[in-house]
Structure formats: structure tokens, C-alpha cells
Amino acid sequence: MTIELGVFISVLSVSIAFLGYSLNKSKAIKSDGQESAELKAELGYIRKGVDDIRIDLKANERQITALGERVTRIEESSKAAHKRLDMLEKENDK
């Protein structure tokens, strides 16, 4: 009877250990799934932020290009104005 009691306790402890392992395994899978979902959500937010930055960058590039064209036209205009002023000064010096 002592041997049967020892075998019974051994089988019972192995059974409890296996059940504990399987319960923890399912919890680990749930937590891994939750972490994966959170990670995907965060990556989605980052992707959206990067897309917004790209859109803003393109808009800034267009503004800089337009500003560069305006500066070029103003430089040409001021150059022509300086030439006219130089001609007026030469006429007044004579």
C-alpha cells in the first residue's frame, strides 16, 4: 500500500505540473499576441507620422522652389534698375 500511495502521489504531482505548464503556456501566448498587437499599432502610428512628415517636406520643397524663382526675378529687376540709375547718373554728370 505504501508503494501504491507513492506512485499515486507521483502521478498526481506530474499531472499538476503538466496542467500548470499548459495554463502558463496559454497565458504566454496571449501576452505575446497582445504585445504583437501593440507593436503593430505603434508601427502604424509611426508610419502615419512619417507619411505626414513626407507630405510636409514636399510642401516645403515647393515653397522653397517658388521663393527661389521670386528671388531670381527680383535680382534681375534690381539689376535692371541699377543699370537705369547708372545711366541717369552718367547723364547728370555730363
C-alpha atoms as a PDB file:
ATOM      1  CA  MET A   1       0.000   0.000   0.000  1.00  0.00           C
ATOM      2  CA  THR A   2       2.904   2.328   0.624  1.00  0.00           C
ATOM      3  CA  ILE A   3       4.198   1.821  -2.910  1.00  0.00           C
ATOM      4  CA  GLU A   4       0.748   2.486  -4.369  1.00  0.00           C
ATOM      5  CA  LEU A   5       0.467   5.690  -2.356  1.00  0.00           C
ATOM      6  CA  GLY A   6       3.909   6.820  -3.576  1.00  0.00           C
ATOM      7  CA  VAL A   7       3.009   6.061  -7.201  1.00  0.00           C
ATOM      8  CA  PHE A   8      -0.311   7.870  -6.791  1.00  0.00           C
ATOM      9  CA  ILE A   9       1.413  10.970  -5.370  1.00  0.00           C
ATOM     10  CA  SER A  10       3.999  10.886  -8.171  1.00  0.00           C
ATOM     11  CA  VAL A  11       1.355  10.638 -10.887  1.00  0.00           C
ATOM     12  CA  LEU A  12      -0.689  13.369  -9.205  1.00  0.00           C
ATOM     13  CA  SER A  13       2.308  15.724  -8.978  1.00  0.00           C
ATOM     14  CA  VAL A  14       3.234  15.110 -12.644  1.00  0.00           C
ATOM     15  CA  SER A  15      -0.377  15.801 -13.630  1.00  0.00           C
ATOM     16  CA  ILE A  16      -0.457  19.047 -11.638  1.00  0.00           C
ATOM     17  CA  ALA A  17       2.881  20.123 -13.127  1.00  0.00           C
ATOM     18  CA  PHE A  18       1.636  19.459 -16.662  1.00  0.00           C
ATOM     19  CA  LEU A  19      -1.597  21.400 -16.061  1.00  0.00           C
ATOM     20  CA  GLY A  20       0.352  24.311 -14.597  1.00  0.00           C
ATOM     21  CA  TYR A  21       2.669  24.302 -17.607  1.00  0.00           C
ATOM     22  CA  SER A  22      -0.189  24.267 -20.112  1.00  0.00           C
ATOM     23  CA  LEU A  23      -2.012  27.091 -18.304  1.00  0.00           C
ATOM     24  CA  ASN A  24       1.104  29.264 -18.255  1.00  0.00           C
ATOM     25  CA  LYS A  25       1.799  28.437 -21.883  1.00  0.00           C
ATOM     26  CA  SER A  26      -1.615  29.738 -22.956  1.00  0.00           C
ATOM     27  CA  LYS A  27      -1.105  32.896 -20.878  1.00  0.00           C
ATOM     28  CA  ALA A  28       2.283  33.413 -22.514  1.00  0.00           C
ATOM     29  CA  ILE A  29       0.713  33.029 -25.936  1.00  0.00           C
ATOM     30  CA  LYS A  30      -1.968  35.582 -25.010  1.00  0.00           C
ATOM     31  CA  SER A  31       0.622  38.059 -23.758  1.00  0.00           C
ATOM     32  CA  ASP A  32       2.744  37.522 -26.867  1.00  0.00           C
ATOM     33  CA  GLY A  33      -0.319  38.163 -29.018  1.00  0.00           C
ATOM     34  CA  GLN A  34      -1.159  41.294 -27.076  1.00  0.00           C
ATOM     35  CA  GLU A  35       2.407  42.578 -27.344  1.00  0.00           C
ATOM     36  CA  SER A  36       2.381  41.859 -31.063  1.00  0.00           C
ATOM     37  CA  ALA A  37      -0.864  43.802 -31.498  1.00  0.00           C
ATOM     38  CA  GLU A  38       0.506  46.744 -29.514  1.00  0.00           C
ATOM     39  CA  LEU A  39       3.679  46.688 -31.575  1.00  0.00           C
ATOM     40  CA  LYS A  40       1.701  46.696 -34.831  1.00  0.00           C
ATOM     41  CA  ALA A  41      -0.408  49.618 -33.594  1.00  0.00           C
ATOM     42  CA  GLU A  42       2.699  51.587 -32.652  1.00  0.00           C
ATOM     43  CA  LEU A  43       4.259  50.858 -36.032  1.00  0.00           C
ATOM     44  CA  GLY A  44       1.064  52.098 -37.662  1.00  0.00           C
ATOM     45  CA  TYR A  45       1.310  55.378 -35.734  1.00  0.00           C
ATOM     46  CA  ILE A  46       4.963  55.741 -36.695  1.00  0.00           C
ATOM     47  CA  ARG A  47       4.178  55.020 -40.357  1.00  0.00           C
ATOM     48  CA  LYS A  48       1.423  57.656 -40.331  1.00  0.00           C
ATOM     49  CA  GLY A  49       3.805  60.166 -38.738  1.00  0.00           C
ATOM     50  CA  VAL A  50       6.462  59.503 -41.366  1.00  0.00           C
ATOM     51  CA  ASP A  51       3.882  59.942 -44.132  1.00  0.00           C
ATOM     52  CA  ASP A  52       2.813  63.274 -42.625  1.00  0.00           C
ATOM     53  CA  ILE A  53       6.441  64.389 -42.459  1.00  0.00           C
ATOM     54  CA  ARG A  54       6.935  63.459 -46.125  1.00  0.00           C
ATOM     55  CA  ILE A  55       3.883  65.480 -47.139  1.00  0.00           C
ATOM     56  CA  ASP A  56       5.137  68.485 -45.165  1.00  0.00           C
ATOM     57  CA  LEU A  57       8.593  68.112 -46.696  1.00  0.00           C
ATOM     58  CA  LYS A  58       7.173  68.119 -50.232  1.00  0.00           C
ATOM     59  CA  ALA A  59       5.144  71.235 -49.448  1.00  0.00           C
ATOM     60  CA  ASN A  60       8.267  72.948 -48.068  1.00  0.00           C
ATOM     61  CA  GLU A  61      10.246  71.994 -51.177  1.00  0.00           C
ATOM     62  CA  ARG A  62       7.560  73.564 -53.380  1.00  0.00           C
ATOM     63  CA  GLN A  63       7.616  76.748 -51.298  1.00  0.00           C
ATOM     64  CA  ILE A  64      11.398  76.946 -51.454  1.00  0.00           C
ATOM     65  CA  THR A  65      11.340  76.466 -55.228  1.00  0.00           C
ATOM     66  CA  ALA A  66       8.736  79.220 -55.619  1.00  0.00           C
ATOM     67  CA  LEU A  67      10.732  81.501 -53.319  1.00  0.00           C
ATOM     68  CA  GLY A  68      13.909  80.830 -55.319  1.00  0.00           C
ATOM     69  CA  GLU A  69      12.135  81.808 -58.533  1.00  0.00           C
ATOM     70  CA  ARG A  70      10.846  85.008 -56.938  1.00  0.00           C
ATOM     71  CA  VAL A  71      14.331  85.915 -55.667  1.00  0.00           C
ATOM     72  CA  THR A  72      15.760  85.376 -59.161  1.00  0.00           C
ATOM     73  CA  ARG A  73      13.153  87.699 -60.697  1.00  0.00           C
ATOM     74  CA  ILE A  74      13.788  90.341 -58.024  1.00  0.00           C
ATOM     75  CA  GLU A  75      17.549  90.152 -58.599  1.00  0.00           C
ATOM     76  CA  GLU A  76      17.029  90.629 -62.336  1.00  0.00           C
ATOM     77  CA  SER A  77      14.701  93.552 -61.692  1.00  0.00           C
ATOM     78  CA  SER A  78      17.117  95.219 -59.282  1.00  0.00           C
ATOM     79  CA  LYS A  79      19.980  94.689 -61.744  1.00  0.00           C
ATOM     80  CA  ALA A  80      17.968  96.426 -64.466  1.00  0.00           C
ATOM     81  CA  ALA A  81      17.068  99.231 -62.043  1.00  0.00           C
ATOM     82  CA  HIS A  82      20.740  99.727 -61.132  1.00  0.00           C
ATOM     83  CA  LYS A  83      21.653  99.961 -64.809  1.00  0.00           C
ATOM     84  CA  ARG A  84      18.985 102.638 -65.317  1.00  0.00           C
ATOM     85  CA  LEU A  85      20.235 104.525 -62.245  1.00  0.00           C
ATOM     86  CA  ASP A  86      23.820 104.343 -63.526  1.00  0.00           C
ATOM     87  CA  MET A  87      22.688 105.741 -66.891  1.00  0.00           C
ATOM     88  CA  LEU A  88      20.852 108.587 -65.139  1.00  0.00           C
ATOM     89  CA  GLU A  89      23.934 109.398 -63.066  1.00  0.00           C
ATOM     90  CA  LYS A  90      26.112 109.492 -66.180  1.00  0.00           C
ATOM     91  CA  GLU A  91      23.651 111.854 -67.894  1.00  0.00           C
ATOM     92  CA  ASN A  92      23.616 114.155 -64.852  1.00  0.00           C
ATOM     93  CA  ASP A  93      27.429 114.199 -64.641  1.00  0.00           C
ATOM     94  CA  LYS A  94      27.748 115.497 -68.205  1.00  0.00           C
END
